[in-house]
Structure formats: structure tokens, C-alpha cells
Amino acid sequence: MIPSIAMVRIENPDWRGRGLRLWIPLFLLWIPVVLLSPLLVVLVVVPCMVFGINAWTALRTFWGILSGMAGTQVRVCADGKRVHVRIL
């Protein structure tokens, strides 16, 4: 299953409250991907032909990486500021 939502939370000790929370709907990114799909196919197939890579294997690998992103959590802390990114 592909990721559908990314939750981003930014915390700064100078701010009041719990910080800034953003819910980013990733499924909306599929609209431009579908519209640009003919160009994306050319951008994948041509380099695969030039470098001798099987295009289906490259697409399958990319899909596996994209599908594997669900459940990813990234936390960055620096100078008392924190950024949390969670992909659902």
C-alpha cells in the first residue's frame, strides 16, 4: 500500500503551545503524476535503454521503495528545535 498522509510537527521553544502541526495528504500528489505519466515513462525507459537496465525491474524497485515508506518516522533535533515527520 502506498503512503497516503504525512504528518509533520515542528516544535520551537520560543513558540507558545505545542508547535505547528501539518497533515499533508500525499494522495493529492498522484494527480500531477497521472497527468505527467507520458513524460515520466519516457524519463524512465530511455535511461534504462541507454544503461542496459530492465525497465520493468526499475519500475518494480521504485514501487517497492514507495510502498515501503508507509510507517516511516523521522525525528530531527537541533538547538532545542524539533521536527517530526511521520508517513502513514
C-alpha atoms as a PDB file:
ATOM      1  CA  MET A   1       0.000   0.000   0.000  1.00  0.00           C
ATOM      2  CA  ILE A   2       1.343   3.434  -0.872  1.00  0.00           C
ATOM      3  CA  PRO A   3       1.595   6.149   1.794  1.00  0.00           C
ATOM      4  CA  SER A   4      -1.449   8.422   1.926  1.00  0.00           C
ATOM      5  CA  ILE A   5      -0.735  11.018   4.636  1.00  0.00           C
ATOM      6  CA  ALA A   6       2.373  12.668   6.056  1.00  0.00           C
ATOM      7  CA  MET A   7       2.147  14.269   9.489  1.00  0.00           C
ATOM      8  CA  VAL A   8       4.716  16.984  10.179  1.00  0.00           C
ATOM      9  CA  ARG A   9       5.164  18.548  13.625  1.00  0.00           C
ATOM     10  CA  ILE A  10       7.568  21.440  14.213  1.00  0.00           C
ATOM     11  CA  GLU A  11       8.408  22.416  17.791  1.00  0.00           C
ATOM     12  CA  ASN A  12      10.317  25.525  18.801  1.00  0.00           C
ATOM     13  CA  PRO A  13      10.873  26.519  22.463  1.00  0.00           C
ATOM     14  CA  ASP A  14      10.306  30.173  21.511  1.00  0.00           C
ATOM     15  CA  TRP A  15       6.753  29.422  20.369  1.00  0.00           C
ATOM     16  CA  ARG A  16       3.824  29.061  22.743  1.00  0.00           C
ATOM     17  CA  GLY A  17       1.752  25.939  22.699  1.00  0.00           C
ATOM     18  CA  ARG A  18       2.663  22.616  21.190  1.00  0.00           C
ATOM     19  CA  GLY A  19       4.127  23.895  17.940  1.00  0.00           C
ATOM     20  CA  LEU A  20       2.978  23.679  14.363  1.00  0.00           C
ATOM     21  CA  ARG A  21       1.233  20.522  13.107  1.00  0.00           C
ATOM     22  CA  LEU A  22       0.615  19.843   9.435  1.00  0.00           C
ATOM     23  CA  TRP A  23      -1.268  16.973   7.828  1.00  0.00           C
ATOM     24  CA  ILE A  24      -0.169  16.622   4.216  1.00  0.00           C
ATOM     25  CA  PRO A  25      -2.404  14.435   2.038  1.00  0.00           C
ATOM     26  CA  LEU A  26       0.039  12.555  -0.193  1.00  0.00           C
ATOM     27  CA  PHE A  27      -2.715  11.062  -2.344  1.00  0.00           C
ATOM     28  CA  LEU A  28      -3.162  14.518  -3.913  1.00  0.00           C
ATOM     29  CA  LEU A  29       0.338  14.172  -5.378  1.00  0.00           C
ATOM     30  CA  TRP A  30      -0.979  11.422  -7.647  1.00  0.00           C
ATOM     31  CA  ILE A  31      -2.977  13.936  -9.707  1.00  0.00           C
ATOM     32  CA  PRO A  32       0.124  15.591 -11.260  1.00  0.00           C
ATOM     33  CA  VAL A  33       1.829  12.190 -11.539  1.00  0.00           C
ATOM     34  CA  VAL A  34      -1.042  10.842 -13.651  1.00  0.00           C
ATOM     35  CA  LEU A  35      -1.049  13.969 -15.817  1.00  0.00           C
ATOM     36  CA  LEU A  36       2.719  13.779 -16.351  1.00  0.00           C
ATOM     37  CA  SER A  37       2.810   9.989 -16.798  1.00  0.00           C
ATOM     38  CA  PRO A  38       3.708  10.013 -20.539  1.00  0.00           C
ATOM     39  CA  LEU A  39       6.739  12.166 -19.768  1.00  0.00           C
ATOM     40  CA  LEU A  40       7.647  10.016 -16.764  1.00  0.00           C
ATOM     41  CA  VAL A  41       7.543   6.857 -18.880  1.00  0.00           C
ATOM     42  CA  VAL A  42       9.986   8.395 -21.363  1.00  0.00           C
ATOM     43  CA  LEU A  43      12.231   9.571 -18.498  1.00  0.00           C
ATOM     44  CA  VAL A  44      12.368   6.007 -17.142  1.00  0.00           C
ATOM     45  CA  VAL A  45      12.548   3.956 -20.338  1.00  0.00           C
ATOM     46  CA  VAL A  46      15.194   5.988 -22.201  1.00  0.00           C
ATOM     47  CA  PRO A  47      17.864   5.878 -19.429  1.00  0.00           C
ATOM     48  CA  CYS A  48      17.098   2.178 -18.895  1.00  0.00           C
ATOM     49  CA  MET A  49      17.722   1.521 -22.585  1.00  0.00           C
ATOM     50  CA  VAL A  50      20.922   3.592 -22.569  1.00  0.00           C
ATOM     51  CA  PHE A  51      22.377   1.888 -19.477  1.00  0.00           C
ATOM     52  CA  GLY A  52      21.061  -1.594 -20.272  1.00  0.00           C
ATOM     53  CA  ILE A  53      18.721  -1.889 -17.290  1.00  0.00           C
ATOM     54  CA  ASN A  54      15.436  -3.774 -17.487  1.00  0.00           C
ATOM     55  CA  ALA A  55      12.704  -1.078 -17.286  1.00  0.00           C
ATOM     56  CA  TRP A  56      10.239  -3.414 -15.518  1.00  0.00           C
ATOM     57  CA  THR A  57      12.823  -4.193 -12.839  1.00  0.00           C
ATOM     58  CA  ALA A  58      13.495  -0.469 -12.330  1.00  0.00           C
ATOM     59  CA  LEU A  59       9.769   0.300 -12.026  1.00  0.00           C
ATOM     60  CA  ARG A  60       9.209  -2.640  -9.676  1.00  0.00           C
ATOM     61  CA  THR A  61      12.095  -1.472  -7.470  1.00  0.00           C
ATOM     62  CA  PHE A  62      10.784   2.104  -7.404  1.00  0.00           C
ATOM     63  CA  TRP A  63       7.287   0.852  -6.495  1.00  0.00           C
ATOM     64  CA  GLY A  64       8.747  -1.291  -3.699  1.00  0.00           C
ATOM     65  CA  ILE A  65      10.584   1.697  -2.245  1.00  0.00           C
ATOM     66  CA  LEU A  66       7.468   3.882  -2.485  1.00  0.00           C
ATOM     67  CA  SER A  67       5.276   1.231  -0.875  1.00  0.00           C
ATOM     68  CA  GLY A  68       7.836   0.617   1.866  1.00  0.00           C
ATOM     69  CA  MET A  69       7.731   4.233   3.027  1.00  0.00           C
ATOM     70  CA  ALA A  70       4.496   3.693   4.971  1.00  0.00           C
ATOM     71  CA  GLY A  71       5.294   3.693   8.679  1.00  0.00           C
ATOM     72  CA  THR A  72       8.483   5.760   8.306  1.00  0.00           C
ATOM     73  CA  GLN A  73       9.252   8.158  11.148  1.00  0.00           C
ATOM     74  CA  VAL A  74      11.974  10.823  11.058  1.00  0.00           C
ATOM     75  CA  ARG A  75      12.921  12.937  14.080  1.00  0.00           C
ATOM     76  CA  VAL A  76      15.451  15.753  13.928  1.00  0.00           C
ATOM     77  CA  CYS A  77      16.518  17.798  16.968  1.00  0.00           C
ATOM     78  CA  ALA A  78      18.890  20.775  16.909  1.00  0.00           C
ATOM     79  CA  ASP A  79      19.289  23.764  19.239  1.00  0.00           C
ATOM     80  CA  GLY A  80      16.115  22.891  21.136  1.00  0.00           C
ATOM     81  CA  LYS A  81      14.034  22.812  17.964  1.00  0.00           C
ATOM     82  CA  ARG A  82      12.420  19.577  16.851  1.00  0.00           C
ATOM     83  CA  VAL A  83      10.922  18.336  13.604  1.00  0.00           C
ATOM     84  CA  HIS A  84       8.933  15.081  13.472  1.00  0.00           C
ATOM     85  CA  VAL A  85       7.785  13.573  10.181  1.00  0.00           C
ATOM     86  CA  ARG A  86       5.558  10.508  10.184  1.00  0.00           C
ATOM     87  CA  ILE A  87       4.342   8.880   6.966  1.00  0.00           C
ATOM     88  CA  LEU A  88       1.143   6.818   7.200  1.00  0.00           C
END
